[in-house]
Amino acid sequence: MDRLILIRHGKAEADSASGDDIDRRLAPRGLRETADMAAHLADMGFSPDVALVSTSVRTRETWEAAKSAFPGAEARFEPFLYLASSGTIRAAAEEAGRNCRSVMVVGHNPGLQELVVQLLQEGGAPATLIAQAQRNFPPAASAVFLFDGNGRPHYDGLFIPGRHH
């Protein structure tokens, strides 16, 4: 894997009809912000070969809103990504990345945000950027990392809906 794209699901409704968290749907704002974020990532040339998607309703809807920006991506819906830890997310991305160059993970906080912070720290990102990621990784946010030949991550972009860095 040369590139890892991490994207948090879009803004979701507070409750689901079933009462189960896994069944929460995206709010209209979440659909809009997700589509905008996907288009922005694609415009910058960040397009995954494989997208690993949690099986919650909100992450599947996030992928549905984003996938037209990534027409060549193969989606894999993975139940173990629902509320997964940062270690589980990273291991899944590394496994998928053995056979492709660019992997996207569509998932949840806190695991996704924790992984962003860990990768920023490992890659020697500026303290101000690390602090920003610790404070704020809202719905539809994305972080992109490049990996060198030794597997070390390098920050390639932190994208917050409404503002891009």
Protein backbone atom coordinates (compact mmCIF):
# COMPACT_ATOMS: atom_id res chain seq x y z
CA MET A 1 0.00 0.00 0.00
CA ASP A 2 1.36 3.35 -1.05
CA ARG A 3 -1.58 5.48 0.08
CA LEU A 4 -4.19 5.23 2.84
CA ILE A 5 -7.32 7.38 2.74
CA LEU A 6 -9.32 7.46 5.97
CA ILE A 7 -12.81 8.93 5.84
CA ARG A 8 -15.28 9.22 8.67
CA HIS A 9 -18.93 8.59 7.86
CA GLY A 10 -21.06 11.65 7.19
CA LYS A 11 -23.25 13.38 9.76
CA ALA A 12 -25.83 10.87 10.97
CA GLU A 13 -29.26 11.17 12.50
CA ALA A 14 -29.30 11.02 16.30
CA ASP A 15 -31.50 7.92 16.42
CA SER A 16 -32.63 5.09 14.18
CA ALA A 17 -36.10 3.66 13.72
CA SER A 18 -34.89 0.41 15.28
CA GLY A 19 -33.21 2.16 18.20
CA ASP A 20 -29.90 0.45 17.31
CA ASP A 21 -26.82 2.59 16.69
CA ILE A 22 -25.75 0.46 13.73
CA ASP A 23 -28.99 1.39 11.92
CA ARG A 24 -28.55 5.19 12.12
CA ARG A 25 -28.90 6.80 8.67
CA LEU A 26 -27.10 9.81 7.26
CA ALA A 27 -28.73 13.18 7.73
CA PRO A 28 -29.18 15.30 4.58
CA ARG A 29 -26.11 17.33 5.64
CA GLY A 30 -24.13 14.10 5.90
CA LEU A 31 -25.02 13.08 2.35
CA ARG A 32 -24.07 16.52 1.01
CA GLU A 33 -20.78 16.80 2.92
CA THR A 34 -19.77 13.25 2.00
CA ALA A 35 -20.37 13.82 -1.71
CA ASP A 36 -18.44 17.11 -1.53
CA MET A 37 -15.52 15.47 0.32
CA ALA A 38 -15.34 12.58 -2.15
CA ALA A 39 -15.32 14.98 -5.10
CA HIS A 40 -12.56 17.04 -3.43
CA LEU A 41 -10.44 13.95 -2.79
CA ALA A 42 -10.92 12.72 -6.36
CA ASP A 43 -10.06 16.18 -7.74
CA MET A 44 -6.77 15.97 -5.83
CA GLY A 45 -6.03 12.57 -7.38
CA PHE A 46 -6.77 10.54 -4.24
CA SER A 47 -8.66 7.55 -5.57
CA PRO A 48 -8.67 4.16 -3.85
CA ASP A 49 -8.25 0.81 -5.51
CA VAL A 50 -10.14 -0.77 -2.60
CA ALA A 51 -12.59 0.78 -0.14
CA LEU A 52 -13.09 -1.05 3.15
CA VAL A 53 -16.48 0.00 4.50
CA SER A 54 -18.02 -0.70 7.89
CA THR A 55 -21.42 -2.36 7.61
CA SER A 56 -23.33 0.24 9.64
CA VAL A 57 -26.08 1.97 7.69
CA ARG A 58 -24.34 5.38 7.95
CA THR A 59 -21.02 4.09 6.58
CA ARG A 60 -22.71 2.20 3.74
CA GLU A 61 -24.66 5.38 2.89
CA THR A 62 -21.40 7.35 3.07
CA TRP A 63 -19.89 5.00 0.51
CA GLU A 64 -23.00 5.27 -1.68
CA ALA A 65 -22.69 9.08 -1.63
CA ALA A 66 -18.94 8.91 -2.36
CA LYS A 67 -18.53 6.06 -4.81
CA SER A 68 -19.32 7.97 -8.00
CA ALA A 69 -16.13 10.00 -7.37
CA PHE A 70 -14.14 6.74 -7.29
CA PRO A 71 -15.46 4.67 -10.21
CA GLY A 72 -12.55 2.22 -10.23
CA ALA A 73 -12.71 1.32 -6.54
CA GLU A 74 -13.73 -2.12 -5.32
CA ALA A 75 -15.92 -1.86 -2.20
CA ARG A 76 -15.62 -4.46 0.54
CA PHE A 77 -18.17 -4.29 3.34
CA GLU A 78 -16.55 -5.50 6.56
CA PRO A 79 -18.64 -6.09 9.73
CA PHE A 80 -15.53 -6.01 11.95
CA LEU A 81 -14.97 -2.34 11.03
CA TYR A 82 -18.10 -1.26 12.92
CA LEU A 83 -16.70 0.77 15.84
CA ALA A 84 -13.28 -0.88 15.29
CA SER A 85 -10.16 0.11 17.20
CA SER A 86 -7.34 1.96 15.48
CA GLY A 87 -5.27 -1.24 15.48
CA THR A 88 -8.02 -3.24 13.78
CA ILE A 89 -8.50 -0.54 11.13
CA ARG A 90 -4.78 -0.35 10.43
CA ALA A 91 -4.37 -4.13 10.20
CA ALA A 92 -7.31 -4.36 7.77
CA ALA A 93 -5.86 -1.58 5.60
CA GLU A 94 -2.42 -3.17 5.58
CA GLU A 95 -3.88 -6.55 4.63
CA ALA A 96 -5.90 -5.04 1.78
CA GLY A 97 -2.87 -3.01 0.73
CA ARG A 98 -0.78 -6.10 0.06
CA ASN A 99 -2.52 -6.42 -3.31
CA CYS A 100 -3.10 -2.78 -4.29
CA ARG A 101 -1.57 0.66 -4.10
CA SER A 102 -4.35 2.76 -2.55
CA VAL A 103 -6.77 1.79 0.24
CA MET A 104 -9.68 3.75 1.65
CA VAL A 105 -11.37 2.99 4.96
CA VAL A 106 -14.86 4.36 5.64
CA GLY A 107 -15.38 4.05 9.36
CA HIS A 108 -16.13 5.50 12.76
CA ASN A 109 -14.64 7.46 15.60
CA PRO A 110 -12.97 7.02 17.99
CA GLY A 111 -10.90 4.37 16.19
CA LEU A 112 -10.52 6.32 12.94
CA GLN A 113 -9.48 9.53 14.69
CA GLU A 114 -7.06 7.64 16.93
CA LEU A 115 -5.44 6.09 13.84
CA VAL A 116 -5.11 9.50 12.18
CA VAL A 117 -3.32 10.84 15.26
CA GLN A 118 -1.06 7.77 15.50
CA LEU A 119 -0.05 8.02 11.84
CA LEU A 120 0.62 11.75 12.16
CA GLN A 121 2.83 11.07 15.18
CA GLU A 122 4.70 8.21 13.46
CA GLY A 123 5.26 10.37 10.40
CA GLY A 124 6.69 13.27 12.38
CA ALA A 125 3.90 15.72 11.52
CA PRO A 126 4.00 19.17 13.16
CA ALA A 127 2.62 19.29 16.70
CA THR A 128 -0.02 21.82 15.66
CA LEU A 129 -1.41 19.42 13.06
CA ILE A 130 -1.42 16.52 15.53
CA ALA A 131 -3.26 18.70 18.07
CA GLN A 132 -5.80 19.73 15.43
CA ALA A 133 -6.52 16.08 14.55
CA GLN A 134 -6.85 15.22 18.25
CA ARG A 135 -9.37 18.03 18.76
CA ASN A 136 -11.41 17.74 15.61
CA PHE A 137 -12.13 14.87 13.21
CA PRO A 138 -15.83 15.46 12.54
CA PRO A 139 -18.24 13.54 10.33
CA ALA A 140 -17.12 13.44 6.65
CA ALA A 141 -13.54 14.39 7.62
CA SER A 142 -10.73 12.67 5.76
CA ALA A 143 -7.01 12.14 6.22
CA VAL A 144 -4.57 10.90 3.59
CA PHE A 145 -1.19 9.29 4.17
CA LEU A 146 1.56 8.12 1.87
CA PHE A 147 3.77 5.23 2.93
CA ASP A 148 7.45 5.01 2.04
CA GLY A 149 9.35 1.82 1.19
CA ASN A 150 9.85 1.10 4.90
CA GLY A 151 6.13 1.41 5.66
CA ARG A 152 6.51 4.77 7.43
CA PRO A 153 3.49 7.08 7.05
CA HIS A 154 3.79 10.60 5.69
CA TYR A 155 0.97 13.12 6.01
CA ASP A 156 -0.56 13.95 2.64
CA GLY A 157 -3.65 15.90 3.71
CA LEU A 158 -6.23 16.50 6.42
CA PHE A 159 -9.61 17.51 5.07
CA ILE A 160 -12.42 18.85 7.24
CA PRO A 161 -15.83 19.53 5.64
CA GLY A 162 -15.98 23.19 4.72
CA ARG A 163 -12.20 23.70 4.92
CA HIS A 164 -9.29 21.81 3.43
CA HIS A 165 -5.62 21.68 4.51
